[in-house]
Amino acid sequence: MIIHPHIPKRKPKKPNAQQRALKANWQEILRKYDVKPVHKKQDHRKPADARVMRPGSDTRHIPSLDTAYGIAVKKETQQYTGDAMIGIGQLHKSNAVPVFRQEDAEDQAKMRRG
């Protein structure tokens, strides 16, 4: 889309009565509960690549601490041990579906063949 310089930009729309009432109601709630607006702190630091490092402050040669422990306990393998499931059906590609009734198996077979 090409925007020509002679086409004026649209002015922002003014809020309608419902939007003004909603904003006034919100301001009243904020005043009632004495809520102060939160302002984001601006980060005035230089980007990491623009920082100047002091001599001797390079710590790339220090290895990380190795505790020789894992971060979590290994989960046991889940296995179905009941007798209600009669098999596993496949509707599409690798979509394995448990089959609990003979009617389910027949429905899946009919859906597959159309």
PDB file of N, CA and C in Angstrom:
ATOM      1  N   MET A   1       0.839  -1.161   0.000  1.00  0.00           N
ATOM      2  CA  MET A   1       0.000   0.000   0.000  1.00  0.00           C
ATOM      3  C   MET A   1       0.892   1.234   0.000  1.00  0.00           C
ATOM      4  N   ILE A   2       0.636   2.137  -0.910  1.00  0.00           N
ATOM      5  CA  ILE A   2       1.421   3.351  -1.020  1.00  0.00           C
ATOM      6  C   ILE A   2       0.638   4.492  -0.388  1.00  0.00           C
ATOM      7  N   ILE A   3       1.304   5.227   0.498  1.00  0.00           N
ATOM      8  CA  ILE A   3       0.676   6.384   1.138  1.00  0.00           C
ATOM      9  C   ILE A   3       1.299   7.618   0.524  1.00  0.00           C
ATOM     10  N   HIS A   4       0.484   8.379  -0.154  1.00  0.00           N
ATOM     11  CA  HIS A   4       0.973   9.590  -0.798  1.00  0.00           C
ATOM     12  C   HIS A   4       1.049  10.719   0.214  1.00  0.00           C
ATOM     13  N   PRO A   5       2.025  11.629   0.040  1.00  0.00           N
ATOM     14  CA  PRO A   5       2.174  12.705   1.015  1.00  0.00           C
ATOM     15  C   PRO A   5       1.008  13.691   1.031  1.00  0.00           C
ATOM     16  N   HIS A   6       0.234  13.765  -0.051  1.00  0.00           N
ATOM     17  CA  HIS A   6      -0.865  14.717  -0.079  1.00  0.00           C
ATOM     18  C   HIS A   6      -2.125  14.192   0.611  1.00  0.00           C
ATOM     19  N   ILE A   7      -2.144  12.889   0.988  1.00  0.00           N
ATOM     20  CA  ILE A   7      -3.294  12.326   1.688  1.00  0.00           C
ATOM     21  C   ILE A   7      -3.100  12.583   3.185  1.00  0.00           C
ATOM     22  N   PRO A   8      -4.024  13.288   3.817  1.00  0.00           N
ATOM     23  CA  PRO A   8      -3.851  13.579   5.241  1.00  0.00           C
ATOM     24  C   PRO A   8      -4.033  12.321   6.087  1.00  0.00           C
ATOM     25  N   LYS A   9      -3.321  12.251   7.199  1.00  0.00           N
ATOM     26  CA  LYS A   9      -3.469  11.139   8.129  1.00  0.00           C
ATOM     27  C   LYS A   9      -4.752  11.332   8.923  1.00  0.00           C
ATOM     28  N   ARG A  10      -5.335  10.221   9.341  1.00  0.00           N
ATOM     29  CA  ARG A  10      -6.565  10.294  10.118  1.00  0.00           C
ATOM     30  C   ARG A  10      -6.268  10.780  11.530  1.00  0.00           C
ATOM     31  N   LYS A  11      -7.193  11.558  12.047  1.00  0.00           N
ATOM     32  CA  LYS A  11      -7.076  12.011  13.425  1.00  0.00           C
ATOM     33  C   LYS A  11      -7.499  10.866  14.336  1.00  0.00           C
ATOM     34  N   PRO A  12      -6.910  10.781  15.514  1.00  0.00           N
ATOM     35  CA  PRO A  12      -7.355   9.729  16.435  1.00  0.00           C
ATOM     36  C   PRO A  12      -8.793   9.988  16.871  1.00  0.00           C
ATOM     37  N   LYS A  13      -9.548   8.916  16.999  1.00  0.00           N
ATOM     38  CA  LYS A  13     -10.955   9.041  17.370  1.00  0.00           C
ATOM     39  C   LYS A  13     -11.086   9.440  18.828  1.00  0.00           C
ATOM     40  N   LYS A  14     -12.057  10.269  19.113  1.00  0.00           N
ATOM     41  CA  LYS A  14     -12.343  10.672  20.480  1.00  0.00           C
ATOM     42  C   LYS A  14     -13.162   9.572  21.145  1.00  0.00           C
ATOM     43  N   PRO A  15     -12.981   9.384  22.458  1.00  0.00           N
ATOM     44  CA  PRO A  15     -13.770   8.347  23.132  1.00  0.00           C
ATOM     45  C   PRO A  15     -15.251   8.719  23.179  1.00  0.00           C
ATOM     46  N   ASN A  16     -16.094   7.704  23.052  1.00  0.00           N
ATOM     47  CA  ASN A  16     -17.535   7.949  23.120  1.00  0.00           C
ATOM     48  C   ASN A  16     -17.977   8.035  24.583  1.00  0.00           C
ATOM     49  N   ALA A  17     -19.259   8.255  24.808  1.00  0.00           N
ATOM     50  CA  ALA A  17     -19.787   8.471  26.161  1.00  0.00           C
ATOM     51  C   ALA A  17     -19.552   7.253  27.052  1.00  0.00           C
ATOM     52  N   GLN A  18     -19.734   6.057  26.491  1.00  0.00           N
ATOM     53  CA  GLN A  18     -19.549   4.842  27.280  1.00  0.00           C
ATOM     54  C   GLN A  18     -18.081   4.689  27.694  1.00  0.00           C
ATOM     55  N   GLN A  19     -17.169   4.985  26.783  1.00  0.00           N
ATOM     56  CA  GLN A  19     -15.747   4.882  27.098  1.00  0.00           C
ATOM     57  C   GLN A  19     -15.330   5.923  28.135  1.00  0.00           C
ATOM     58  N   ARG A  20     -15.892   7.145  28.013  1.00  0.00           N
ATOM     59  CA  ARG A  20     -15.584   8.177  29.008  1.00  0.00           C
ATOM     60  C   ARG A  20     -16.100   7.796  30.383  1.00  0.00           C
ATOM     61  N   ALA A  21     -17.323   7.223  30.439  1.00  0.00           N
ATOM     62  CA  ALA A  21     -17.900   6.802  31.717  1.00  0.00           C
ATOM     63  C   ALA A  21     -17.079   5.672  32.334  1.00  0.00           C
ATOM     64  N   LEU A  22     -16.628   4.738  31.514  1.00  0.00           N
ATOM     65  CA  LEU A  22     -15.818   3.634  31.995  1.00  0.00           C
ATOM     66  C   LEU A  22     -14.494   4.140  32.568  1.00  0.00           C
ATOM     67  N   LYS A  23     -13.860   5.082  31.875  1.00  0.00           N
ATOM     68  CA  LYS A  23     -12.599   5.639  32.357  1.00  0.00           C
ATOM     69  C   LYS A  23     -12.810   6.400  33.667  1.00  0.00           C
ATOM     70  N   ALA A  24     -13.899   7.166  33.766  1.00  0.00           N
ATOM     71  CA  ALA A  24     -14.190   7.899  34.991  1.00  0.00           C
ATOM     72  C   ALA A  24     -14.451   6.929  36.151  1.00  0.00           C
ATOM     73  N   ASN A  25     -15.172   5.855  35.880  1.00  0.00           N
ATOM     74  CA  ASN A  25     -15.442   4.840  36.893  1.00  0.00           C
ATOM     75  C   ASN A  25     -14.140   4.206  37.371  1.00  0.00           C
ATOM     76  N   TRP A  26     -13.250   3.916  36.449  1.00  0.00           N
ATOM     77  CA  TRP A  26     -11.965   3.317  36.795  1.00  0.00           C
ATOM     78  C   TRP A  26     -11.136   4.280  37.655  1.00  0.00           C
ATOM     79  N   GLN A  27     -11.119   5.543  37.282  1.00  0.00           N
ATOM     80  CA  GLN A  27     -10.383   6.536  38.062  1.00  0.00           C
ATOM     81  C   GLN A  27     -10.962   6.658  39.479  1.00  0.00           C
ATOM     82  N   GLU A  28     -12.281   6.567  39.597  1.00  0.00           N
ATOM     83  CA  GLU A  28     -12.927   6.620  40.910  1.00  0.00           C
ATOM     84  C   GLU A  28     -12.517   5.420  41.765  1.00  0.00           C
ATOM     85  N   ILE A  29     -12.445   4.239  41.149  1.00  0.00           N
ATOM     86  CA  ILE A  29     -12.015   3.041  41.874  1.00  0.00           C
ATOM     87  C   ILE A  29     -10.574   3.202  42.352  1.00  0.00           C
ATOM     88  N   LEU A  30      -9.706   3.730  41.483  1.00  0.00           N
ATOM     89  CA  LEU A  30      -8.309   3.936  41.865  1.00  0.00           C
ATOM     90  C   LEU A  30      -8.199   4.927  43.020  1.00  0.00           C
ATOM     91  N   ARG A  31      -9.009   5.995  42.983  1.00  0.00           N
ATOM     92  CA  ARG A  31      -8.992   6.968  44.074  1.00  0.00           C
ATOM     93  C   ARG A  31      -9.533   6.356  45.370  1.00  0.00           C
ATOM     94  N   LYS A  32     -10.571   5.521  45.258  1.00  0.00           N
ATOM     95  CA  LYS A  32     -11.194   4.923  46.431  1.00  0.00           C
ATOM     96  C   LYS A  32     -10.223   4.016  47.184  1.00  0.00           C
ATOM     97  N   TYR A  33      -9.463   3.235  46.454  1.00  0.00           N
ATOM     98  CA  TYR A  33      -8.535   2.300  47.077  1.00  0.00           C
ATOM     99  C   TYR A  33      -7.114   2.849  47.166  1.00  0.00           C
ATOM    100  N   ASP A  34      -6.922   4.107  46.821  1.00  0.00           N
ATOM    101  CA  ASP A  34      -5.638   4.789  46.933  1.00  0.00           C
ATOM    102  C   ASP A  34      -4.530   4.020  46.203  1.00  0.00           C
ATOM    103  N   VAL A  35      -4.768   3.728  44.946  1.00  0.00           N
ATOM    104  CA  VAL A  35      -3.798   3.013  44.134  1.00  0.00           C
ATOM    105  C   VAL A  35      -2.944   4.023  43.387  1.00  0.00           C
ATOM    106  N   LYS A  36      -1.649   3.881  43.527  1.00  0.00           N
ATOM    107  CA  LYS A  36      -0.724   4.777  42.832  1.00  0.00           C
ATOM    108  C   LYS A  36      -0.316   4.141  41.510  1.00  0.00           C
ATOM    109  N   PRO A  37      -0.185   4.934  40.453  1.00  0.00           N
ATOM    110  CA  PRO A  37       0.239   4.361  39.172  1.00  0.00           C
ATOM    111  C   PRO A  37       1.676   3.871  39.249  1.00  0.00           C
ATOM    112  N   VAL A  38       1.940   2.755  38.566  1.00  0.00           N
ATOM    113  CA  VAL A  38       3.273   2.164  38.555  1.00  0.00           C
ATOM    114  C   VAL A  38       3.997   2.647  37.306  1.00  0.00           C
ATOM    115  N   HIS A  39       5.181   3.182  37.507  1.00  0.00           N
ATOM    116  CA  HIS A  39       5.978   3.641  36.381  1.00  0.00           C
ATOM    117  C   HIS A  39       7.136   2.684  36.179  1.00  0.00           C
ATOM    118  N   LYS A  40       7.406   2.371  34.921  1.00  0.00           N
ATOM    119  CA  LYS A  40       8.529   1.507  34.619  1.00  0.00           C
ATOM    120  C   LYS A  40       9.829   2.266  34.846  1.00  0.00           C
ATOM    121  N   LYS A  41      10.783   1.567  35.403  1.00  0.00           N
ATOM    122  CA  LYS A  41      12.089   2.167  35.563  1.00  0.00           C
ATOM    123  C   LYS A  41      12.819   2.097  34.223  1.00  0.00           C
ATOM    124  N   GLN A  42      13.458   3.173  33.876  1.00  0.00           N
ATOM    125  CA  GLN A  42      14.212   3.188  32.635  1.00  0.00           C
ATOM    126  C   GLN A  42      15.607   2.653  32.898  1.00  0.00           C
ATOM    127  N   ASP A  43      16.086   1.836  31.976  1.00  0.00           N
ATOM    128  CA  ASP A  43      17.414   1.269  32.113  1.00  0.00           C
ATOM    129  C   ASP A  43      18.401   2.210  31.438  1.00  0.00           C
ATOM    130  N   HIS A  44      19.188   2.908  32.252  1.00  0.00           N
ATOM    131  CA  HIS A  44      20.128   3.880  31.718  1.00  0.00           C
ATOM    132  C   HIS A  44      21.502   3.271  31.474  1.00  0.00           C
ATOM    133  N   ARG A  45      21.613   1.956  31.680  1.00  0.00           N
ATOM    134  CA  ARG A  45      22.912   1.322  31.473  1.00  0.00           C
ATOM    135  C   ARG A  45      23.211   1.205  29.990  1.00  0.00           C
ATOM    136  N   LYS A  46      24.475   1.073  29.688  1.00  0.00           N
ATOM    137  CA  LYS A  46      24.892   0.888  28.302  1.00  0.00           C
ATOM    138  C   LYS A  46      24.617  -0.554  27.906  1.00  0.00           C
ATOM    139  N   PRO A  47      24.445  -0.826  26.625  1.00  0.00           N
ATOM    140  CA  PRO A  47      24.301  -2.218  26.187  1.00  0.00           C
ATOM    141  C   PRO A  47      25.562  -3.012  26.530  1.00  0.00           C
ATOM    142  N   ALA A  48      25.416  -4.342  26.623  1.00  0.00           N
ATOM    143  CA  ALA A  48      26.522  -5.193  27.060  1.00  0.00           C
ATOM    144  C   ALA A  48      27.745  -5.055  26.152  1.00  0.00           C
ATOM    145  N   ASP A  49      27.522  -4.894  24.843  1.00  0.00           N
ATOM    146  CA  ASP A  49      28.667  -4.805  23.938  1.00  0.00           C
ATOM    147  C   ASP A  49      29.369  -3.451  24.036  1.00  0.00           C
ATOM    148  N   ALA A  50      28.734  -2.440  24.617  1.00  0.00           N
ATOM    149  CA  ALA A  50      29.331  -1.116  24.709  1.00  0.00           C
ATOM    150  C   ALA A  50      30.031  -0.897  26.045  1.00  0.00           C
ATOM    151  N   ARG A  51      29.922  -1.846  26.972  1.00  0.00           N
ATOM    152  CA  ARG A  51      30.546  -1.685  28.273  1.00  0.00           C
ATOM    153  C   ARG A  51      32.057  -1.866  28.169  1.00  0.00           C
ATOM    154  N   VAL A  52      32.737  -1.134  28.996  1.00  0.00           N
ATOM    155  CA  VAL A  52      34.183  -1.261  29.074  1.00  0.00           C
ATOM    156  C   VAL A  52      34.494  -2.082  30.314  1.00  0.00           C
ATOM    157  N   MET A  53      35.238  -3.171  30.138  1.00  0.00           N
ATOM    158  CA  MET A  53      35.555  -4.029  31.270  1.00  0.00           C
ATOM    159  C   MET A  53      36.873  -3.594  31.890  1.00  0.00           C
ATOM    160  N   ARG A  54      36.906  -3.680  33.214  1.00  0.00           N
ATOM    161  CA  ARG A  54      38.128  -3.339  33.924  1.00  0.00           C
ATOM    162  C   ARG A  54      39.148  -4.452  33.746  1.00  0.00           C
ATOM    163  N   PRO A  55      40.405  -4.129  33.825  1.00  0.00           N
ATOM    164  CA  PRO A  55      41.423  -5.182  33.730  1.00  0.00           C
ATOM    165  C   PRO A  55      41.279  -6.161  34.888  1.00  0.00           C
ATOM    166  N   GLY A  56      41.373  -7.445  34.580  1.00  0.00           N
ATOM    167  CA  GLY A  56      41.275  -8.471  35.609  1.00  0.00           C
ATOM    168  C   GLY A  56      39.862  -8.894  35.937  1.00  0.00           C
ATOM    169  N   SER A  57      38.859  -8.331  35.280  1.00  0.00           N
ATOM    170  CA  SER A  57      37.478  -8.691  35.588  1.00  0.00           C
ATOM    171  C   SER A  57      36.926  -9.753  34.652  1.00  0.00           C
ATOM    172  N   ASP A  58      37.741 -10.289  33.780  1.00  0.00           N
ATOM    173  CA  ASP A  58      37.291 -11.320  32.849  1.00  0.00           C
ATOM    174  C   ASP A  58      37.198 -12.649  33.598  1.00  0.00           C
ATOM    175  N   THR A  59      36.000 -13.243  33.686  1.00  0.00           N
ATOM    176  CA  THR A  59      35.803 -14.481  34.442  1.00  0.00           C
ATOM    177  C   THR A  59      35.478 -15.650  33.535  1.00  0.00           C
ATOM    178  N   ARG A  60      35.829 -15.583  32.284  1.00  0.00           N
ATOM    179  CA  ARG A  60      35.498 -16.678  31.372  1.00  0.00           C
ATOM    180  C   ARG A  60      36.297 -17.946  31.677  1.00  0.00           C
ATOM    181  N   HIS A  61      37.401 -17.826  32.366  1.00  0.00           N
ATOM    182  CA  HIS A  61      38.243 -18.986  32.651  1.00  0.00           C
ATOM    183  C   HIS A  61      37.775 -19.755  33.885  1.00  0.00           C
ATOM    184  N   ILE A  62      36.817 -19.209  34.651  1.00  0.00           N
ATOM    185  CA  ILE A  62      36.334 -19.872  35.859  1.00  0.00           C
ATOM    186  C   ILE A  62      35.201 -20.816  35.474  1.00  0.00           C
ATOM    187  N   PRO A  63      35.334 -22.140  35.750  1.00  0.00           N
ATOM    188  CA  PRO A  63      34.280 -23.085  35.371  1.00  0.00           C
ATOM    189  C   PRO A  63      33.071 -22.987  36.298  1.00  0.00           C
ATOM    190  N   SER A  64      31.937 -23.447  35.817  1.00  0.00           N
ATOM    191  CA  SER A  64      30.725 -23.494  36.632  1.00  0.00           C
ATOM    192  C   SER A  64      30.863 -24.589  37.679  1.00  0.00           C
ATOM    193  N   LEU A  65      30.112 -24.464  38.763  1.00  0.00           N
ATOM    194  CA  LEU A  65      30.133 -25.452  39.827  1.00  0.00           C
ATOM    195  C   LEU A  65      29.410 -26.711  39.368  1.00  0.00           C
ATOM    196  N   ASP A  66      30.071 -27.856  39.485  1.00  0.00           N
ATOM    197  CA  ASP A  66      29.474 -29.123  39.104  1.00  0.00           C
ATOM    198  C   ASP A  66      29.151 -29.891  40.370  1.00  0.00           C
ATOM    199  N   THR A  67      27.867 -30.076  40.672  1.00  0.00           N
ATOM    200  CA  THR A  67      27.465 -30.770  41.888  1.00  0.00           C
ATOM    201  C   THR A  67      27.314 -32.268  41.682  1.00  0.00           C
ATOM    202  N   ALA A  68      27.365 -32.734  40.441  1.00  0.00           N
ATOM    203  CA  ALA A  68      27.247 -34.142  40.069  1.00  0.00           C
ATOM    204  C   ALA A  68      25.856 -34.698  40.349  1.00  0.00           C
ATOM    205  N   TYR A  69      24.872 -33.824  40.554  1.00  0.00           N
ATOM    206  CA  TYR A  69      23.494 -34.242  40.765  1.00  0.00           C
ATOM    207  C   TYR A  69      22.658 -33.777  39.588  1.00  0.00           C
ATOM    208  N   GLY A  70      21.602 -34.516  39.288  1.00  0.00           N
ATOM    209  CA  GLY A  70      20.669 -34.092  38.255  1.00  0.00           C
ATOM    210  C   GLY A  70      19.752 -33.006  38.790  1.00  0.00           C
ATOM    211  N   ILE A  71      18.910 -32.497  37.919  1.00  0.00           N
ATOM    212  CA  ILE A  71      18.024 -31.420  38.344  1.00  0.00           C
ATOM    213  C   ILE A  71      16.640 -31.923  38.752  1.00  0.00           C
ATOM    214  N   ALA A  72      16.315 -33.180  38.437  1.00  0.00           N
ATOM    215  CA  ALA A  72      15.003 -33.706  38.798  1.00  0.00           C
ATOM    216  C   ALA A  72      15.064 -35.229  38.858  1.00  0.00           C
ATOM    217  N   VAL A  73      14.066 -35.806  39.508  1.00  0.00           N
ATOM    218  CA  VAL A  73      13.971 -37.254  39.597  1.00  0.00           C
ATOM    219  C   VAL A  73      13.387 -37.786  38.299  1.00  0.00           C
ATOM    220  N   LYS A  74      13.907 -38.889  37.802  1.00  0.00           N
ATOM    221  CA  LYS A  74      13.406 -39.462  36.561  1.00  0.00           C
ATOM    222  C   LYS A  74      11.991 -39.991  36.764  1.00  0.00           C
ATOM    223  N   LYS A  75      11.117 -39.644  35.822  1.00  0.00           N
ATOM    224  CA  LYS A  75       9.722 -40.061  35.901  1.00  0.00           C
ATOM    225  C   LYS A  75       9.604 -41.520  35.486  1.00  0.00           C
ATOM    226  N   GLU A  76       8.794 -42.260  36.237  1.00  0.00           N
ATOM    227  CA  GLU A  76       8.598 -43.661  35.895  1.00  0.00           C
ATOM    228  C   GLU A  76       7.790 -43.780  34.603  1.00  0.00           C
ATOM    229  N   THR A  77       8.059 -44.823  33.842  1.00  0.00           N
ATOM    230  CA  THR A  77       7.346 -45.049  32.588  1.00  0.00           C
ATOM    231  C   THR A  77       5.903 -45.416  32.892  1.00  0.00           C
ATOM    232  N   GLN A  78       4.970 -44.757  32.208  1.00  0.00           N
ATOM    233  CA  GLN A  78       3.556 -45.036  32.425  1.00  0.00           C
ATOM    234  C   GLN A  78       3.145 -46.230  31.571  1.00  0.00           C
ATOM    235  N   GLN A  79       2.387 -47.117  32.177  1.00  0.00           N
ATOM    236  CA  GLN A  79       1.938 -48.303  31.464  1.00  0.00           C
ATOM    237  C   GLN A  79       0.527 -48.629  31.909  1.00  0.00           C
ATOM    238  N   TYR A  80      -0.346 -48.930  30.944  1.00  0.00           N
ATOM    239  CA  TYR A  80      -1.734 -49.249  31.254  1.00  0.00           C
ATOM    240  C   TYR A  80      -1.794 -50.657  31.815  1.00  0.00           C
ATOM    241  N   THR A  81      -2.408 -50.815  32.989  1.00  0.00           N
ATOM    242  CA  THR A  81      -2.455 -52.129  33.637  1.00  0.00           C
ATOM    243  C   THR A  81      -3.877 -52.656  33.792  1.00  0.00           C
ATOM    244  N   GLY A  82      -4.873 -51.912  33.295  1.00  0.00           N
ATOM    245  CA  GLY A  82      -6.258 -52.355  33.453  1.00  0.00           C
ATOM    246  C   GLY A  82      -6.671 -53.333  32.370  1.00  0.00           C
ATOM    247  N   ASP A  83      -7.954 -53.719  32.381  1.00  0.00           N
ATOM    248  CA  ASP A  83      -8.448 -54.659  31.377  1.00  0.00           C
ATOM    249  C   ASP A  83      -9.633 -54.091  30.612  1.00  0.00           C
ATOM    250  N   ALA A  84      -9.923 -52.779  30.762  1.00  0.00           N
ATOM    251  CA  ALA A  84     -11.061 -52.176  30.074  1.00  0.00           C
ATOM    252  C   ALA A  84     -10.727 -51.848  28.617  1.00  0.00           C
ATOM    253  N   MET A  85      -9.476 -51.591  28.317  1.00  0.00           N
ATOM    254  CA  MET A  85      -9.098 -51.217  26.953  1.00  0.00           C
ATOM    255  C   MET A  85      -8.909 -52.471  26.113  1.00  0.00           C
ATOM    256  N   ILE A  86      -9.561 -52.510  24.931  1.00  0.00           N
ATOM    257  CA  ILE A  86      -9.452 -53.702  24.087  1.00  0.00           C
ATOM    258  C   ILE A  86      -8.381 -53.545  23.012  1.00  0.00           C
ATOM    259  N   GLY A  87      -7.891 -52.313  22.814  1.00  0.00           N
ATOM    260  CA  GLY A  87      -6.847 -52.126  21.814  1.00  0.00           C
ATOM    261  C   GLY A  87      -6.558 -50.662  21.574  1.00  0.00           C
ATOM    262  N   ILE A  88      -5.728 -50.420  20.551  1.00  0.00           N
ATOM    263  CA  ILE A  88      -5.356 -49.060  20.179  1.00  0.00           C
ATOM    264  C   ILE A  88      -5.752 -48.847  18.731  1.00  0.00           C
ATOM    265  N   GLY A  89      -6.542 -47.800  18.495  1.00  0.00           N
ATOM    266  CA  GLY A  89      -6.958 -47.475  17.138  1.00  0.00           C
ATOM    267  C   GLY A  89      -6.120 -46.336  16.587  1.00  0.00           C
ATOM    268  N   GLN A  90      -6.136 -46.213  15.248  1.00  0.00           N
ATOM    269  CA  GLN A  90      -5.369 -45.152  14.616  1.00  0.00           C
ATOM    270  C   GLN A  90      -6.263 -44.444  13.619  1.00  0.00           C
ATOM    271  N   LEU A  91      -6.550 -43.149  13.894  1.00  0.00           N
ATOM    272  CA  LEU A  91      -7.423 -42.395  13.016  1.00  0.00           C
ATOM    273  C   LEU A  91      -6.656 -41.770  11.860  1.00  0.00           C
ATOM    274  N   HIS A  92      -5.546 -41.111  12.165  1.00  0.00           N
ATOM    275  CA  HIS A  92      -4.808 -40.407  11.117  1.00  0.00           C
ATOM    276  C   HIS A  92      -3.334 -40.384  11.467  1.00  0.00           C
ATOM    277  N   LYS A  93      -2.515 -40.836  10.587  1.00  0.00           N
ATOM    278  CA  LYS A  93      -1.048 -40.851  10.748  1.00  0.00           C
ATOM    279  C   LYS A  93      -0.662 -41.432  12.098  1.00  0.00           C
ATOM    280  N   SER A  94      -0.038 -40.655  12.967  1.00  0.00           N
ATOM    281  CA  SER A  94       0.447 -41.217  14.235  1.00  0.00           C
ATOM    282  C   SER A  94      -0.478 -40.879  15.397  1.00  0.00           C
ATOM    283  N   ASN A  95      -1.758 -40.711  15.134  1.00  0.00           N
ATOM    284  CA  ASN A  95      -2.717 -40.382  16.177  1.00  0.00           C
ATOM    285  C   ASN A  95      -3.258 -41.669  16.784  1.00  0.00           C
ATOM    286  N   ALA A  96      -2.605 -42.174  17.831  1.00  0.00           N
ATOM    287  CA  ALA A  96      -3.042 -43.405  18.489  1.00  0.00           C
ATOM    288  C   ALA A  96      -4.147 -43.081  19.482  1.00  0.00           C
ATOM    289  N   VAL A  97      -5.256 -43.826  19.404  1.00  0.00           N
ATOM    290  CA  VAL A  97      -6.421 -43.580  20.249  1.00  0.00           C
ATOM    291  C   VAL A  97      -6.766 -44.874  20.979  1.00  0.00           C
ATOM    292  N   PRO A  98      -6.939 -44.839  22.304  1.00  0.00           N
ATOM    293  CA  PRO A  98      -7.333 -46.063  23.003  1.00  0.00           C
ATOM    294  C   PRO A  98      -8.771 -46.445  22.654  1.00  0.00           C
ATOM    295  N   VAL A  99      -9.006 -47.738  22.493  1.00  0.00           N
ATOM    296  CA  VAL A  99     -10.340 -48.243  22.160  1.00  0.00           C
ATOM    297  C   VAL A  99     -10.835 -49.058  23.339  1.00  0.00           C
ATOM    298  N   PHE A 100     -12.011 -48.661  23.865  1.00  0.00           N
ATOM    299  CA  PHE A 100     -12.570 -49.335  25.026  1.00  0.00           C
ATOM    300  C   PHE A 100     -13.787 -50.188  24.681  1.00  0.00           C
ATOM    301  N   ARG A 101     -14.435 -49.922  23.555  1.00  0.00           N
ATOM    302  CA  ARG A 101     -15.619 -50.691  23.169  1.00  0.00           C
ATOM    303  C   ARG A 101     -15.493 -51.133  21.712  1.00  0.00           C
ATOM    304  N   GLN A 102     -16.191 -52.176  21.364  1.00  0.00           N
ATOM    305  CA  GLN A 102     -16.184 -52.670  19.984  1.00  0.00           C
ATOM    306  C   GLN A 102     -16.798 -51.636  19.043  1.00  0.00           C
ATOM    307  N   GLU A 103     -17.809 -50.887  19.531  1.00  0.00           N
ATOM    308  CA  GLU A 103     -18.449 -49.874  18.691  1.00  0.00           C
ATOM    309  C   GLU A 103     -17.462 -48.761  18.326  1.00  0.00           C
ATOM    310  N   ASP A 104     -16.576 -48.413  19.274  1.00  0.00           N
ATOM    311  CA  ASP A 104     -15.570 -47.387  18.983  1.00  0.00           C
ATOM    312  C   ASP A 104     -14.650 -47.837  17.864  1.00  0.00           C
ATOM    313  N   ALA A 105     -14.239 -49.087  17.904  1.00  0.00           N
ATOM    314  CA  ALA A 105     -13.353 -49.620  16.870  1.00  0.00           C
ATOM    315  C   ALA A 105     -14.049 -49.596  15.515  1.00  0.00           C
ATOM    316  N   GLU A 106     -15.330 -49.960  15.473  1.00  0.00           N
ATOM    317  CA  GLU A 106     -16.073 -49.961  14.213  1.00  0.00           C
ATOM    318  C   GLU A 106     -16.246 -48.533  13.689  1.00  0.00           C
ATOM    319  N   ASP A 107     -16.526 -47.574  14.603  1.00  0.00           N
ATOM    320  CA  ASP A 107     -16.669 -46.178  14.184  1.00  0.00           C
ATOM    321  C   ASP A 107     -15.370 -45.640  13.591  1.00  0.00           C
ATOM    322  N   GLN A 108     -14.265 -45.968  14.211  1.00  0.00           N
ATOM    323  CA  GLN A 108     -12.981 -45.497  13.686  1.00  0.00           C
ATOM    324  C   GLN A 108     -12.702 -46.119  12.316  1.00  0.00           C
ATOM    325  N   ALA A 109     -13.034 -47.377  12.136  1.00  0.00           N
ATOM    326  CA  ALA A 109     -12.811 -48.022  10.846  1.00  0.00           C
ATOM    327  C   ALA A 109     -13.677 -47.392   9.763  1.00  0.00           C
ATOM    328  N   LYS A 110     -14.923 -47.046  10.080  1.00  0.00           N
ATOM    329  CA  LYS A 110     -15.809 -46.427   9.094  1.00  0.00           C
ATOM    330  C   LYS A 110     -15.364 -45.019   8.744  1.00  0.00           C
ATOM    331  N   MET A 111     -14.863 -44.278   9.732  1.00  0.00           N
ATOM    332  CA  MET A 111     -14.381 -42.917   9.456  1.00  0.00           C
ATOM    333  C   MET A 111     -13.165 -42.946   8.561  1.00  0.00           C
ATOM    334  N   ARG A 112     -12.354 -43.940   8.685  1.00  0.00           N
ATOM    335  CA  ARG A 112     -11.125 -44.018   7.912  1.00  0.00           C
ATOM    336  C   ARG A 112     -11.408 -44.340   6.443  1.00  0.00           C
ATOM    337  N   ARG A 113     -12.382 -45.196   6.201  1.00  0.00           N
ATOM    338  CA  ARG A 113     -12.671 -45.599   4.829  1.00  0.00           C
ATOM    339  C   ARG A 113     -13.704 -44.714   4.155  1.00  0.00           C
ATOM    340  N   GLY A 114     -14.329 -43.832   4.922  1.00  0.00           N
ATOM    341  CA  GLY A 114     -15.284 -42.895   4.352  1.00  0.00           C
ATOM    342  C   GLY A 114     -16.585 -43.510   4.159  1.00  0.00           C
TER     343      GLY A 114
END
